């Protein structure tokens, strides 16, 4: 379509294995699992005995020895975190574990993104040095902190890096690096979040302390149960949108089970409560859409320390106060994001109006506005990416004439690799960058924005196939009418931790629109009917309006999720519509 995005619905249709077919799983679940590559029940056995061994991580033995010696000597450790939910949970896991091991001298430090930027910079090392630590441990950062590690060495401070981001050509000269994505590391789960890496290091430290008889009888020290921190690991893993391979699903499901049994930390309980969500009914979706955004709001608008304090709190009343502050910040963030999104659409609509009839949306979108909030450009990029199905980088002003950009990619394009190529082929165009396949951050000079936008579009066009630019809506197919129930919806919801790489089940079918209305100013509420059976269903399409309905046609083909709507004590089946097209 002119200046638009081509969309299509593709049904997953994998064969169900004999083992799944013979199992007692719900019939709908058998098909859902098969469509995600599951052929054996072992693949959906999320007991902790299936967790990968920490010994598989390169240099974790060196790191564990360093940390355990500092604990035994009761010297000081400063944990340097990141300002997102993965960084906050990583920091909380590390600090809680070290304290449980008996270390009294542990502090944390999170760079304010507006003053220091990301990672272990030399400036942050100087701040940390004021506490006279024996050791700095990074969590969810550090793999690219070459200058920061060098500065620490100059000050006589050892550094242990724990990270999960992709390594550059040169590694920092740290005392130890624990990162499955560093060269030579054979840990199979390359997709683990920063909080998972931090958790694994603490497992190794506990084992090393045990070997040193640190928890022996008569010492008055109790060996902590590391499972106590899996609620934090689960939250950080889902909130960071890392792919949920089997190992990550074990971590997430184990954490969810702790929360549902009311064994979570006070901060997670408070965040769920203030958002009106059930602790007993907590799901992986709540991590991604409820708790994660509230934690991230602190790092986006102010200082992530308040989020970390919420997660470190053991007193529920105090945790609830922190959660209230985070909730208020998230409301502010949503308002700022909405204003920025309107401005971005105005920019894009103007650009589209200048295109010829045969021209399409550019293969890549780089946007900048002097008024945009640096902490919210990542969310802006994500929203635009969802609408236009293009790789997007949104920029905002930083200090000293720099622009800070945050990018989001689409399947088929490795965002960090593209930035790496641009950096090497256009010397001086990018000041610094880092990230993953689907998300990355960078800094450029303000005067280089136009040049970068051209280079970005050029290299994205060279990397993508034409079909990658089509917005494919994958579906698990239609649902038999007998399974269009609240019971089936809840079975699916709790069957597995759903997320990146192991997507939440969605279905597609054709319906007739009986009526519709706009609710909350920007959501489409519909009453739908299956013409062959006459069965009627309530549905809602968030962030869609009547403009998204096919013109003059009441028969639509939709992609949807099964959900249970709860209103004034009444519960009913509801379809959450993700995509609409003409039948």
Protein backbone atom coordinates (compact mmCIF):
# COMPACT_ATOMS: atom_id res chain seq x y z
CA UNK A 1 0.00 0.00 0.00
CA UNK A 2 1.15 3.58 -0.60
CA UNK A 3 3.32 4.92 2.22
CA UNK A 4 2.04 2.09 4.36
CA UNK A 5 2.99 -1.21 5.87
CA UNK A 6 2.03 -4.51 4.31
CA UNK A 7 0.52 -6.82 6.92
CA UNK A 8 -0.45 -10.46 6.77
CA UNK A 9 -1.60 -13.23 9.08
CA UNK A 10 0.45 -16.42 9.09
CA UNK A 11 -0.71 -19.46 11.01
CA UNK A 12 1.78 -21.60 12.87
CA UNK A 13 0.98 -25.19 12.03
CA UNK A 14 3.47 -27.61 13.57
CA UNK A 15 2.67 -31.28 14.01
CA UNK A 16 1.93 -32.43 17.54
CA UNK A 17 4.43 -35.04 18.71
CA UNK A 18 3.24 -38.46 19.89
CA UNK A 19 4.37 -37.65 23.44
CA UNK A 20 2.35 -34.43 23.59
CA UNK A 21 -0.63 -36.08 21.93
CA UNK A 22 -0.65 -38.86 24.52
CA UNK A 23 -0.28 -36.44 27.44
CA UNK A 24 -3.06 -35.07 29.64
CA UNK A 25 -2.43 -31.51 28.48
CA UNK A 26 -5.41 -29.43 27.39
CA UNK A 27 -5.99 -30.00 23.63
CA UNK A 28 -5.45 -26.31 22.90
CA UNK A 29 -2.20 -26.35 24.84
CA UNK A 30 -0.86 -29.31 22.89
CA UNK A 31 -1.12 -27.32 19.67
CA UNK A 32 0.30 -24.16 21.26
CA UNK A 33 3.35 -26.00 22.60
CA UNK A 34 3.92 -27.77 19.29
CA UNK A 35 3.85 -24.43 17.48
CA UNK A 36 6.72 -23.30 19.75
CA UNK A 37 8.92 -26.25 18.97
CA UNK A 38 8.00 -28.33 22.00
CA UNK A 39 8.00 -32.05 21.27
CA UNK A 40 8.67 -33.42 24.77
CA UNK A 41 7.15 -32.70 28.18
CA UNK A 42 10.70 -32.28 29.46
CA UNK A 43 10.87 -29.00 27.51
CA UNK A 44 8.07 -27.58 29.65
CA UNK A 45 9.31 -29.03 32.92
CA UNK A 46 10.40 -25.92 34.79
CA UNK A 47 11.78 -27.52 37.94
CA UNK A 48 15.07 -26.03 39.16
CA UNK A 49 16.91 -29.32 38.62
CA UNK A 50 16.97 -28.43 34.93
CA UNK A 51 18.87 -25.17 35.46
CA UNK A 52 22.23 -24.89 33.70
CA UNK A 53 25.34 -25.27 35.88
CA UNK A 54 27.04 -22.00 36.84
CA UNK A 55 30.43 -23.65 36.24
CA UNK A 56 29.79 -23.38 32.49
CA UNK A 57 30.31 -19.59 32.66
CA UNK A 58 33.83 -18.55 31.74
CA UNK A 59 35.85 -17.01 34.61
CA UNK A 60 33.06 -17.46 37.15
CA UNK A 61 35.47 -19.42 39.35
CA UNK A 62 37.91 -16.51 39.35
CA UNK A 63 35.13 -14.02 40.11
CA UNK A 64 33.69 -16.19 42.89
CA UNK A 65 37.08 -16.53 44.56
CA UNK A 66 37.63 -12.75 44.51
CA UNK A 67 34.19 -11.99 45.92
CA UNK A 68 34.36 -14.70 48.59
CA UNK A 69 37.74 -13.43 49.83
CA UNK A 70 36.36 -9.91 50.20
CA UNK A 71 33.41 -11.30 52.17
CA UNK A 72 35.66 -13.34 54.48
CA UNK A 73 37.93 -10.33 55.07
CA UNK A 74 34.84 -8.13 55.53
CA UNK A 75 36.11 -5.47 53.16
CA UNK A 76 33.91 -3.21 51.06
CA UNK A 77 32.15 -3.97 47.77
CA UNK A 78 30.40 -1.39 45.62
CA UNK A 79 27.87 -2.78 43.14
CA UNK A 80 27.50 -0.56 40.06
CA UNK A 81 24.17 -1.08 38.32
CA UNK A 82 22.16 0.16 35.37
CA UNK A 83 19.11 2.40 35.28
CA UNK A 84 16.54 -0.06 33.89
CA UNK A 85 14.52 -2.88 35.45
CA UNK A 86 17.16 -5.50 34.62
CA UNK A 87 19.81 -3.32 36.25
CA UNK A 88 17.63 -2.65 39.30
CA UNK A 89 16.81 -6.31 39.87
CA UNK A 90 20.45 -7.30 39.23
CA UNK A 91 21.55 -4.80 41.86
CA UNK A 92 18.93 -6.02 44.34
CA UNK A 93 19.90 -9.68 43.85
CA UNK A 94 23.58 -8.86 44.31
CA UNK A 95 23.15 -6.66 47.39
CA UNK A 96 20.65 -8.99 49.08
CA UNK A 97 22.89 -12.01 48.43
CA UNK A 98 26.08 -10.35 49.67
CA UNK A 99 24.35 -9.22 52.83
CA UNK A 100 22.94 -12.72 53.35
CA UNK A 101 26.47 -14.13 52.97
CA UNK A 102 27.51 -11.95 55.88
CA UNK A 103 29.15 -8.96 54.17
CA UNK A 104 28.37 -5.81 56.16
CA UNK A 105 30.22 -3.39 53.88
CA UNK A 106 28.23 -3.44 50.65
CA UNK A 107 26.85 -0.44 48.80
CA UNK A 108 25.34 0.11 45.38
CA UNK A 109 25.69 2.92 42.91
CA UNK A 110 23.57 3.57 39.84
CA UNK A 111 24.67 6.20 37.32
CA UNK A 112 22.09 8.89 36.71
CA UNK A 113 21.57 8.66 32.95
CA UNK A 114 21.41 12.44 32.58
CA UNK A 115 24.65 13.16 34.44
CA UNK A 116 26.85 10.13 33.84
CA UNK A 117 25.30 8.08 31.06
CA UNK A 118 25.45 4.30 30.90
CA UNK A 119 27.93 1.91 32.49
CA UNK A 120 31.09 1.99 34.55
CA UNK A 121 32.52 5.30 33.36
CA UNK A 122 35.70 6.80 34.84
CA UNK A 123 33.50 9.43 36.52
CA UNK A 124 31.41 6.75 38.25
CA UNK A 125 34.58 4.98 39.37
CA UNK A 126 35.71 8.22 40.98
CA UNK A 127 32.40 8.47 42.84
CA UNK A 128 32.65 4.83 43.95
CA UNK A 129 36.24 5.38 45.08
CA UNK A 130 34.94 7.75 47.76
CA UNK A 131 33.73 4.67 49.67
CA UNK A 132 37.20 3.08 49.46
CA UNK A 133 36.01 -0.27 48.13
CA UNK A 134 38.21 -3.32 47.77
CA UNK A 135 36.11 -4.45 44.81
CA UNK A 136 33.63 -3.03 42.29
CA UNK A 137 31.13 -5.47 40.77
CA UNK A 138 29.17 -4.32 37.74
CA UNK A 139 25.72 -5.73 37.06
CA UNK A 140 24.02 -5.51 33.65
CA UNK A 141 26.91 -3.40 32.36
CA UNK A 142 30.68 -3.27 32.13
CA UNK A 143 31.54 -5.30 29.04
CA UNK A 144 32.28 -2.08 27.14
CA UNK A 145 33.64 -0.08 30.11
CA UNK A 146 37.30 -0.14 29.07
CA UNK A 147 38.10 3.35 30.37
CA UNK A 148 36.19 2.83 33.60
CA UNK A 149 37.99 -0.41 34.44
CA UNK A 150 41.30 1.25 33.61
CA UNK A 151 40.48 4.12 35.96
CA UNK A 152 39.65 1.67 38.74
CA UNK A 153 43.01 -0.05 38.26
CA UNK A 154 44.77 3.32 38.56
CA UNK A 155 43.04 3.76 41.93
CA UNK A 156 43.95 0.25 43.08
CA UNK A 157 40.38 -1.09 42.90
CA UNK A 158 39.69 -4.49 41.37
CA UNK A 159 36.66 -4.90 39.10
CA UNK A 160 34.50 -7.94 38.44
CA UNK A 161 32.25 -7.43 35.41
CA UNK A 162 28.91 -9.25 35.22
CA UNK A 163 27.02 -8.44 32.05
CA UNK A 164 25.06 -10.01 29.22
CA UNK A 165 25.47 -7.43 26.47
CA UNK A 166 27.47 -8.28 23.36
CA UNK A 167 31.21 -7.85 23.64
CA UNK A 168 33.14 -5.48 21.38
CA UNK A 169 36.46 -6.31 19.72
CA UNK A 170 38.36 -5.22 22.84
CA UNK A 171 37.44 -6.29 26.38
CA UNK A 172 38.04 -4.32 29.58
CA UNK A 173 41.04 -5.49 31.61
CA UNK A 174 38.96 -6.52 34.62
CA UNK A 175 40.01 -9.00 37.29
CA UNK A 176 37.24 -11.26 35.97
CA UNK A 177 34.45 -11.01 33.39
CA UNK A 178 31.31 -13.14 33.73
CA UNK A 179 29.31 -12.76 30.54
CA UNK A 180 28.01 -15.63 28.37
CA UNK A 181 28.48 -13.41 25.31
CA UNK A 182 32.22 -12.89 25.77
CA UNK A 183 34.59 -14.81 23.47
CA UNK A 184 35.37 -18.31 24.68
CA UNK A 185 32.38 -18.68 27.01
CA UNK A 186 30.57 -21.98 26.47
CA UNK A 187 27.50 -21.22 28.58
CA UNK A 188 24.62 -22.39 26.32
CA UNK A 189 22.08 -19.74 27.31
CA UNK A 190 23.43 -16.70 25.49
CA UNK A 191 20.07 -15.02 26.00
CA UNK A 192 20.22 -14.75 29.79
CA UNK A 193 19.45 -11.32 31.28
CA UNK A 194 21.86 -9.31 33.40
CA UNK A 195 19.97 -10.33 36.53
CA UNK A 196 20.44 -13.98 35.57
CA UNK A 197 24.21 -13.50 35.29
CA UNK A 198 24.29 -11.77 38.69
CA UNK A 199 22.28 -14.63 40.19
CA UNK A 200 24.65 -17.22 38.73
CA UNK A 201 27.68 -15.42 40.19
CA UNK A 202 26.04 -15.40 43.61
CA UNK A 203 25.38 -19.15 43.27
CA UNK A 204 29.08 -19.63 42.58
CA UNK A 205 30.08 -17.38 45.51
CA UNK A 206 27.86 -19.34 47.87
CA UNK A 207 29.46 -22.59 46.68
CA UNK A 208 32.95 -21.15 47.20
CA UNK A 209 32.07 -19.93 50.70
CA UNK A 210 30.64 -23.36 51.48
CA UNK A 211 33.94 -24.93 50.39
CA UNK A 212 35.74 -22.58 52.77
CA UNK A 213 33.49 -23.73 55.66
CA UNK A 214 32.06 -20.21 55.92
CA UNK A 215 28.65 -21.62 56.87
CA UNK A 216 30.01 -24.46 59.03
CA UNK A 217 28.38 -25.39 62.33
CA UNK A 218 29.41 -23.10 65.14
CA UNK A 219 29.95 -20.04 62.94
CA UNK A 220 26.50 -18.56 63.61
CA UNK A 221 26.20 -17.98 59.85
CA UNK A 222 23.27 -19.53 58.03
CA UNK A 223 23.68 -20.55 54.42
CA UNK A 224 21.03 -18.62 52.48
CA UNK A 225 18.61 -20.23 50.04
CA UNK A 226 19.29 -18.66 46.67
CA UNK A 227 15.77 -19.56 45.52
CA UNK A 228 14.66 -16.67 47.76
CA UNK A 229 15.83 -14.25 45.04
CA UNK A 230 14.15 -15.88 42.06
CA UNK A 231 11.23 -13.44 42.18
CA UNK A 232 13.72 -10.68 41.35
CA UNK A 233 15.43 -12.80 38.69
CA UNK A 234 12.09 -13.53 37.02
CA UNK A 235 11.05 -9.88 37.04
CA UNK A 236 14.31 -8.62 35.52
CA UNK A 237 14.38 -11.37 32.89
CA UNK A 238 10.91 -10.62 31.53
CA UNK A 239 11.18 -6.84 31.89
CA UNK A 240 14.38 -6.84 29.82
CA UNK A 241 12.53 -8.67 27.02
CA UNK A 242 15.29 -11.24 26.56
CA UNK A 243 14.31 -14.36 24.61
CA UNK A 244 12.83 -17.00 26.89
CA UNK A 245 14.87 -20.09 26.11
CA UNK A 246 14.42 -23.12 28.36
CA UNK A 247 16.87 -21.88 31.00
CA UNK A 248 15.22 -18.48 31.19
CA UNK A 249 11.78 -20.07 31.38
CA UNK A 250 12.92 -22.13 34.37
CA UNK A 251 14.14 -18.97 36.11
CA UNK A 252 10.93 -17.07 35.33
CA UNK A 253 8.50 -19.84 36.24
CA UNK A 254 10.32 -20.51 39.52
CA UNK A 255 10.11 -16.81 40.38
CA UNK A 256 6.43 -16.65 39.47
CA UNK A 257 5.68 -19.61 41.72
CA UNK A 258 7.33 -17.84 44.66
CA UNK A 259 5.26 -14.71 44.07
CA UNK A 260 2.00 -16.64 43.79
CA UNK A 261 2.79 -18.38 47.09
CA UNK A 262 3.22 -14.91 48.63
CA UNK A 263 6.96 -15.41 49.15
CA UNK A 264 8.12 -12.45 47.08
CA UNK A 265 10.01 -9.47 48.44
CA UNK A 266 7.90 -6.65 49.86
CA UNK A 267 8.70 -4.38 46.91
CA UNK A 268 7.27 -6.70 44.26
CA UNK A 269 4.15 -7.28 46.35
CA UNK A 270 3.71 -3.53 46.82
CA UNK A 271 4.12 -2.82 43.09
CA UNK A 272 1.53 -5.44 42.22
CA UNK A 273 -0.89 -4.17 44.85
CA UNK A 274 -0.64 -0.51 43.87
CA UNK A 275 -1.34 -1.48 40.26
CA UNK A 276 -4.46 -3.38 41.34
CA UNK A 277 -3.05 -6.76 40.34
CA UNK A 278 -3.43 -10.04 42.20
CA UNK A 279 -0.33 -11.45 43.91
CA UNK A 280 -1.74 -14.98 43.72
CA UNK A 281 -2.55 -14.53 40.04
CA UNK A 282 0.72 -12.90 38.98
CA UNK A 283 1.82 -13.80 35.44
CA UNK A 284 4.81 -13.06 33.23
CA UNK A 285 2.65 -10.47 31.45
CA UNK A 286 2.42 -8.55 34.74
CA UNK A 287 6.21 -8.32 34.80
CA UNK A 288 6.31 -6.85 31.30
CA UNK A 289 3.33 -4.51 31.45
CA UNK A 290 2.76 -3.73 35.14
CA UNK A 291 5.85 -3.93 37.35
CA UNK A 292 8.57 -3.40 34.75
CA UNK A 293 7.28 -0.02 33.49
CA UNK A 294 6.88 1.28 37.05
CA UNK A 295 10.45 0.35 37.91
CA UNK A 296 11.78 1.73 34.65
CA UNK A 297 9.98 5.04 35.19
CA UNK A 298 12.44 5.91 37.98
CA UNK A 299 15.45 5.45 35.73
CA UNK A 300 13.79 7.23 32.82
CA UNK A 301 12.70 10.35 34.68
CA UNK A 302 14.95 10.65 37.72
CA UNK A 303 17.11 8.14 39.60
CA UNK A 304 16.77 4.35 39.65
CA UNK A 305 17.85 4.28 43.31
CA UNK A 306 14.23 4.58 44.42
CA UNK A 307 13.36 1.47 42.41
CA UNK A 308 16.27 -0.45 43.92
CA UNK A 309 15.31 0.69 47.42
CA UNK A 310 11.79 -0.60 46.78
CA UNK A 311 13.21 -4.03 45.87
CA UNK A 312 15.60 -4.06 48.84
CA UNK A 313 12.88 -3.13 51.34
CA UNK A 314 11.78 -5.78 53.84
CA UNK A 315 9.23 -3.51 55.51
CA UNK A 316 5.99 -3.59 53.49
CA UNK A 317 4.80 -0.16 54.60
CA UNK A 318 8.04 1.46 53.44
CA UNK A 319 8.03 -0.59 50.25
CA UNK A 320 4.50 0.62 49.51
CA UNK A 321 5.65 4.25 49.88
CA UNK A 322 8.39 3.60 47.34
CA UNK A 323 5.91 1.82 45.07
CA UNK A 324 3.54 4.82 45.29
CA UNK A 325 6.34 7.13 44.17
CA UNK A 326 7.19 4.79 41.29
CA UNK A 327 3.53 4.62 40.29
CA UNK A 328 3.34 8.43 40.19
CA UNK A 329 6.52 8.56 38.09
CA UNK A 330 5.02 6.05 35.69
CA UNK A 331 1.93 8.25 35.25
CA UNK A 332 4.24 11.17 34.43
CA UNK A 333 6.18 8.97 32.02
CA UNK A 334 3.00 7.95 30.21
CA UNK A 335 1.97 11.58 29.75
CA UNK A 336 5.40 12.55 28.41
CA UNK A 337 5.44 9.52 26.12
CA UNK A 338 1.99 10.37 24.73
CA UNK A 339 3.04 13.93 23.92
CA UNK A 340 6.24 12.75 22.27
CA UNK A 341 4.37 10.15 20.25
CA UNK A 342 1.98 12.78 18.88
CA UNK A 343 4.97 14.92 17.88
CA UNK A 344 6.68 11.94 16.24
CA UNK A 345 3.57 11.08 14.22
CA UNK A 346 3.38 14.70 13.06
CA UNK A 347 6.99 14.49 11.87
CA UNK A 348 6.38 11.20 10.09
CA UNK A 349 3.10 12.29 8.53
CA UNK A 350 4.87 15.36 7.12
CA UNK A 351 7.66 13.17 5.71
CA UNK A 352 5.13 10.77 4.19
CA UNK A 353 3.27 13.63 2.52
CA UNK A 354 6.44 14.50 0.60
CA UNK A 355 6.83 11.03 -0.90
CA UNK A 356 5.86 10.25 -4.48
CA UNK A 357 2.96 7.89 -5.14
CA UNK A 358 5.33 4.98 -5.79
CA UNK A 359 7.50 5.62 -2.74
CA UNK A 360 7.16 3.69 0.46
CA UNK A 361 8.13 4.34 4.07
CA UNK A 362 11.94 4.38 4.37
CA UNK A 363 13.43 1.07 5.44
CA UNK A 364 14.72 2.70 8.64
CA UNK A 365 13.46 5.61 10.72
CA UNK A 366 15.73 7.97 12.67
CA UNK A 367 13.91 10.78 14.48
CA UNK A 368 14.96 13.72 16.62
CA UNK A 369 13.23 16.59 18.37
CA UNK A 370 14.95 19.08 20.63
CA UNK A 371 12.09 18.89 23.16
CA UNK A 372 12.07 15.13 23.59
CA UNK A 373 12.91 13.56 26.96
CA UNK A 374 16.13 11.55 26.92
CA UNK A 375 14.72 8.93 29.27
CA UNK A 376 11.67 8.16 27.14
CA UNK A 377 13.10 7.92 23.61
CA UNK A 378 13.44 4.14 23.92
CA UNK A 379 9.72 3.77 24.53
CA UNK A 380 9.02 6.17 21.68
CA UNK A 381 11.16 4.10 19.32
CA UNK A 382 9.32 0.96 20.40
CA UNK A 383 5.87 2.45 19.77
CA UNK A 384 6.84 3.75 16.32
CA UNK A 385 8.43 0.42 15.45
CA UNK A 386 5.18 -1.34 16.34
CA UNK A 387 3.12 0.98 14.14
CA UNK A 388 5.36 1.12 11.06
CA UNK A 389 7.29 -2.17 11.36
CA UNK A 390 10.60 -0.49 10.69
CA UNK A 391 13.83 -0.32 12.72
CA UNK A 392 13.63 2.95 14.64
CA UNK A 393 16.11 5.11 16.52
CA UNK A 394 14.79 8.13 18.42
CA UNK A 395 17.16 10.84 19.65
CA UNK A 396 17.00 13.48 22.36
CA UNK A 397 19.38 16.22 23.48
CA UNK A 398 22.10 15.30 25.95
CA UNK A 399 24.88 17.45 27.40
CA UNK A 400 27.65 19.13 25.43
CA UNK A 401 25.97 19.10 22.02
CA UNK A 402 25.47 15.33 22.02
CA UNK A 403 22.33 13.42 21.10
CA UNK A 404 21.44 10.23 22.93
CA UNK A 405 19.58 7.70 20.83
CA UNK A 406 17.67 4.55 21.66
CA UNK A 407 16.85 2.03 18.95
CA UNK A 408 14.41 -0.83 18.51
CA UNK A 409 14.65 -3.38 15.73
CA UNK A 410 12.44 -5.81 13.84
CA UNK A 411 13.05 -9.53 13.17
CA UNK A 412 15.74 -9.93 10.55
CA UNK A 413 17.90 -6.98 11.63
CA UNK A 414 20.58 -7.08 14.35
CA UNK A 415 20.53 -3.49 15.64
CA UNK A 416 23.88 -3.53 17.42
CA UNK A 417 25.63 -5.14 14.43
CA UNK A 418 24.30 -2.41 12.14
CA UNK A 419 25.63 0.27 14.50
CA UNK A 420 28.97 -1.56 14.59
CA UNK A 421 29.20 -1.50 10.79
CA UNK A 422 28.26 2.19 10.65
CA UNK A 423 30.85 2.98 13.31
CA UNK A 424 33.61 1.21 11.35
CA UNK A 425 32.67 2.49 7.89
CA UNK A 426 31.88 6.07 8.92
CA UNK A 427 34.66 7.04 11.31
CA UNK A 428 33.62 9.55 13.94
CA UNK A 429 29.92 9.41 13.11
CA UNK A 430 29.01 7.47 16.29
CA UNK A 431 30.58 8.50 19.58
CA UNK A 432 29.71 5.25 21.39
CA UNK A 433 27.14 2.48 21.19
CA UNK A 434 26.09 -0.87 22.65
CA UNK A 435 23.18 -3.22 23.05
CA UNK A 436 21.51 -6.31 21.63
CA UNK A 437 19.99 -7.58 18.41
CA UNK A 438 16.60 -5.99 19.09
CA UNK A 439 17.57 -2.92 21.14
CA UNK A 440 20.59 -0.66 21.28
CA UNK A 441 21.71 2.76 22.45
CA UNK A 442 24.16 5.25 21.01
CA UNK A 443 25.51 8.79 21.17
CA UNK A 444 26.21 11.08 18.21
CA UNK A 445 27.05 14.74 17.77
CA UNK A 446 24.01 16.91 17.06
CA UNK A 447 25.50 18.19 13.81
CA UNK A 448 25.88 14.59 12.58
CA UNK A 449 22.20 13.65 12.84
CA UNK A 450 21.42 14.00 9.10
CA UNK A 451 24.53 12.04 8.14
CA UNK A 452 23.70 9.33 10.61
CA UNK A 453 20.10 9.09 9.40
CA UNK A 454 21.31 8.55 5.84
CA UNK A 455 23.91 5.97 6.89
CA UNK A 456 21.40 4.16 9.09
CA UNK A 457 18.84 3.86 6.29
CA UNK A 458 21.54 2.78 3.83
CA UNK A 459 22.90 -0.02 6.02
CA UNK A 460 19.45 -1.22 7.11
CA UNK A 461 18.36 -1.42 3.46
CA UNK A 462 21.46 -3.47 2.69
CA UNK A 463 20.80 -5.82 5.60
CA UNK A 464 17.08 -6.49 5.26
CA UNK A 465 15.24 -8.63 2.74
CA UNK A 466 12.07 -7.11 1.24
CA UNK A 467 9.89 -9.63 3.08
CA UNK A 468 11.40 -8.54 6.40
CA UNK A 469 9.55 -5.24 6.02
CA UNK A 470 6.18 -7.00 5.90
CA UNK A 471 4.42 -7.01 9.26
CA UNK A 472 3.74 -10.70 9.85
CA UNK A 473 1.15 -11.51 12.50
CA UNK A 474 1.81 -15.08 13.58
CA UNK A 475 -1.19 -16.95 14.91
CA UNK A 476 -1.93 -20.30 16.51
CA UNK A 477 -4.99 -20.54 14.26
CA UNK A 478 -8.67 -20.47 15.16
CA UNK A 479 -10.06 -21.70 18.49
CA UNK A 480 -12.81 -24.29 18.49
CA UNK A 481 -15.96 -22.78 19.96
CA UNK A 482 -15.99 -25.25 22.86
CA UNK A 483 -12.62 -23.82 23.98
CA UNK A 484 -13.70 -20.16 23.79
CA UNK A 485 -14.03 -20.07 27.57
CA UNK A 486 -12.62 -18.36 30.63
CA UNK A 487 -11.29 -21.72 31.79
CA UNK A 488 -9.24 -22.19 28.61
CA UNK A 489 -7.98 -18.61 28.89
CA UNK A 490 -6.66 -19.19 32.41
CA UNK A 491 -5.10 -22.55 31.53
CA UNK A 492 -3.15 -20.82 28.78
CA UNK A 493 -2.19 -17.86 30.98
CA UNK A 494 -0.51 -20.02 33.61
CA UNK A 495 0.71 -22.86 31.39
CA UNK A 496 4.10 -21.31 30.80
CA UNK A 497 6.02 -18.08 31.21
CA UNK A 498 5.30 -16.41 27.87
CA UNK A 499 7.59 -13.83 26.37
CA UNK A 500 10.22 -13.13 23.72
CA UNK A 501 10.99 -16.28 21.62
CA UNK A 502 8.23 -18.21 23.45
CA UNK A 503 5.34 -15.90 22.59
CA UNK A 504 2.03 -15.68 24.35
CA UNK A 505 -0.59 -17.62 22.37
CA UNK A 506 -2.63 -15.61 19.89
CA UNK A 507 -5.36 -16.83 17.59
CA UNK A 508 -7.14 -15.61 14.49
CA UNK A 509 -10.62 -15.90 13.07
CA UNK A 510 -13.29 -14.04 11.11
CA UNK A 511 -16.12 -12.22 12.88
CA UNK A 512 -18.98 -9.88 12.07
CA UNK A 513 -19.03 -6.55 13.90
CA UNK A 514 -22.33 -6.10 15.71
CA UNK A 515 -21.35 -2.73 17.19
CA UNK A 516 -18.34 -0.75 18.34
CA UNK A 517 -17.47 2.32 20.39
CA UNK A 518 -14.39 4.22 21.53
CA UNK A 519 -13.49 3.90 25.22
CA UNK A 520 -10.83 5.80 27.13
CA UNK A 521 -10.46 8.10 24.09
CA UNK A 522 -8.10 5.75 22.24
CA UNK A 523 -9.31 2.14 22.58
CA UNK A 524 -11.80 0.29 20.39
CA UNK A 525 -14.49 -1.75 22.15
CA UNK A 526 -16.32 -4.22 19.92
CA UNK A 527 -19.12 -6.75 20.05
CA UNK A 528 -18.38 -9.57 17.60
CA UNK A 529 -20.32 -12.54 16.27
CA UNK A 530 -19.32 -15.80 14.59
CA UNK A 531 -21.74 -15.97 11.67
CA UNK A 532 -21.67 -19.75 11.36
CA UNK A 533 -22.72 -20.35 14.98
CA UNK A 534 -24.17 -17.05 16.13
CA UNK A 535 -21.85 -17.04 19.17
CA UNK A 536 -21.10 -13.50 20.39
CA UNK A 537 -17.96 -12.19 22.07
CA UNK A 538 -16.84 -8.96 23.68
CA UNK A 539 -13.52 -7.63 22.45
CA UNK A 540 -11.20 -4.69 22.94
CA UNK A 541 -8.38 -3.37 20.74
CA UNK A 542 -6.02 -1.17 22.72
CA UNK A 543 -4.57 1.92 21.02
CA UNK A 544 -6.84 1.41 18.01
CA UNK A 545 -9.83 3.44 16.82
CA UNK A 546 -12.46 3.18 14.09
CA UNK A 547 -9.73 4.34 11.67
CA UNK A 548 -8.28 0.84 12.03
CA UNK A 549 -11.54 -0.81 10.86
CA UNK A 550 -11.92 -1.75 7.17
CA UNK A 551 -13.98 0.89 5.37
CA UNK A 552 -17.62 -0.09 4.86
CA UNK A 553 -17.07 -3.71 5.83
CA UNK A 554 -18.51 -5.28 8.96
CA UNK A 555 -16.75 -8.61 8.38
CA UNK A 556 -13.26 -8.58 9.82
CA UNK A 557 -10.36 -10.96 10.27
CA UNK A 558 -8.64 -10.43 13.60
CA UNK A 559 -5.67 -11.72 15.58
CA UNK A 560 -6.57 -11.94 19.26
CA UNK A 561 -5.71 -13.29 22.70
CA UNK A 562 -8.13 -14.93 25.10
CA UNK A 563 -8.53 -12.96 28.32
CA UNK A 564 -10.78 -12.72 31.36
CA UNK A 565 -12.32 -9.31 32.00
CA UNK A 566 -13.07 -8.49 35.61
CA UNK A 567 -15.42 -5.58 36.29
CA UNK A 568 -17.28 -4.82 39.53
CA UNK A 569 -16.91 -8.40 40.69
CA UNK A 570 -18.14 -9.92 37.44
CA UNK A 571 -15.88 -12.06 35.26
CA UNK A 572 -16.37 -12.72 31.56
CA UNK A 573 -14.43 -13.87 28.51
CA UNK A 574 -12.89 -11.06 26.47
CA UNK A 575 -10.89 -11.08 23.27
CA UNK A 576 -7.84 -8.78 23.22
CA UNK A 577 -7.44 -7.81 19.57
CA UNK A 578 -3.93 -7.20 18.27
CA UNK A 579 -4.56 -6.90 14.52
CA UNK A 580 -7.56 -6.12 12.33
CA UNK A 581 -8.02 -6.51 8.59
CA UNK A 582 -10.86 -7.09 6.16
CA UNK A 583 -12.23 -10.63 6.10
